[in-house]
């Protein structure tokens, strides 16, 4: 399975996830130039590019448009406090 992670994570946590996922694409929103979570358009583009089965998000705009436009997600983890 493939995983897209847009939430900031410690390397230790990413290493643990490698036990469960064949591919991990790590693009935390904290590394974006604007310092904001991914917009609807940006997260949709990442989903289409990497075709993940799972997503770990934090501040992204996971709207109805995003969720209905990309139908392969089996699980979404949300790290918001």
Protein backbone atom coordinates (compact mmCIF):
# COMPACT_ATOMS: atom_id res chain seq x y z
CA UNK A 1 0.00 0.00 0.00
CA UNK A 2 1.01 3.61 -0.58
CA UNK A 3 0.88 6.38 2.02
CA UNK A 4 0.92 10.15 1.58
CA UNK A 5 1.91 12.11 4.69
CA UNK A 6 1.34 15.87 4.73
CA UNK A 7 1.45 16.24 8.52
CA UNK A 8 4.84 16.92 10.14
CA UNK A 9 6.28 13.76 11.70
CA UNK A 10 9.37 12.61 13.47
CA UNK A 11 11.65 10.30 11.50
CA UNK A 12 11.03 7.62 14.12
CA UNK A 13 7.31 7.72 13.32
CA UNK A 14 7.93 7.52 9.59
CA UNK A 15 10.22 4.54 10.16
CA UNK A 16 7.45 2.80 12.10
CA UNK A 17 5.00 3.41 9.25
CA UNK A 18 7.41 1.67 6.85
CA UNK A 19 6.41 -1.58 8.55
CA UNK A 20 2.90 -1.16 7.11
CA UNK A 21 3.35 0.67 3.81
CA UNK A 22 5.39 -0.23 0.74
CA UNK A 23 5.71 3.41 -0.34
CA UNK A 24 5.64 6.57 1.76
CA UNK A 25 5.56 10.03 0.21
CA UNK A 26 6.37 12.65 2.84
CA UNK A 27 5.49 16.28 2.02
CA UNK A 28 4.68 18.06 5.30
CA UNK A 29 2.86 21.37 5.00
CA UNK A 30 5.49 22.93 7.28
CA UNK A 31 8.00 22.84 4.41
CA UNK A 32 5.76 24.82 2.06
CA UNK A 33 6.91 28.37 1.31
CA UNK A 34 3.60 29.89 2.38
CA UNK A 35 3.53 27.99 5.70
CA UNK A 36 -0.11 26.94 5.20
CA UNK A 37 -1.75 23.55 4.90
CA UNK A 38 -2.40 22.27 1.40
CA UNK A 39 -5.32 23.89 -0.40
CA UNK A 40 -8.06 21.87 -2.04
CA UNK A 41 -6.27 22.19 -5.38
CA UNK A 42 -2.83 21.34 -3.96
CA UNK A 43 -3.92 18.25 -2.01
CA UNK A 44 -5.93 17.01 -5.00
CA UNK A 45 -2.81 17.30 -7.17
CA UNK A 46 -0.70 15.36 -4.63
CA UNK A 47 -3.31 12.61 -4.45
CA UNK A 48 -3.43 12.30 -8.22
CA UNK A 49 0.35 12.34 -8.54
CA UNK A 50 1.16 9.72 -5.89
CA UNK A 51 -2.05 7.63 -5.95
CA UNK A 52 -1.95 6.74 -2.23
CA UNK A 53 -4.20 4.26 -0.47
CA UNK A 54 -3.88 6.18 2.81
CA UNK A 55 -3.37 9.79 3.87
CA UNK A 56 -2.08 11.30 7.10
CA UNK A 57 -3.05 14.96 7.16
CA UNK A 58 -3.12 17.86 9.59
CA UNK A 59 -4.15 21.23 8.14
CA UNK A 60 -5.14 20.35 4.59
CA UNK A 61 -8.43 21.31 2.98
CA UNK A 62 -9.98 17.86 2.77
CA UNK A 63 -13.23 18.98 1.20
CA UNK A 64 -16.02 17.02 -0.43
CA UNK A 65 -14.48 17.92 -3.79
CA UNK A 66 -11.16 16.35 -2.74
CA UNK A 67 -12.71 13.23 -1.23
CA UNK A 68 -15.12 12.54 -4.08
CA UNK A 69 -12.58 13.46 -6.75
CA UNK A 70 -10.08 10.84 -5.59
CA UNK A 71 -11.66 7.52 -4.72
CA UNK A 72 -8.70 5.30 -3.78
CA UNK A 73 -8.27 6.32 -0.14
CA UNK A 74 -8.98 3.48 2.25
CA UNK A 75 -8.07 5.43 5.38
CA UNK A 76 -7.43 9.04 6.42
CA UNK A 77 -5.53 9.88 9.58
CA UNK A 78 -5.99 13.40 10.89
CA UNK A 79 -3.43 14.81 13.32
CA UNK A 80 -5.31 17.94 14.38
CA UNK A 81 -5.33 18.61 18.09
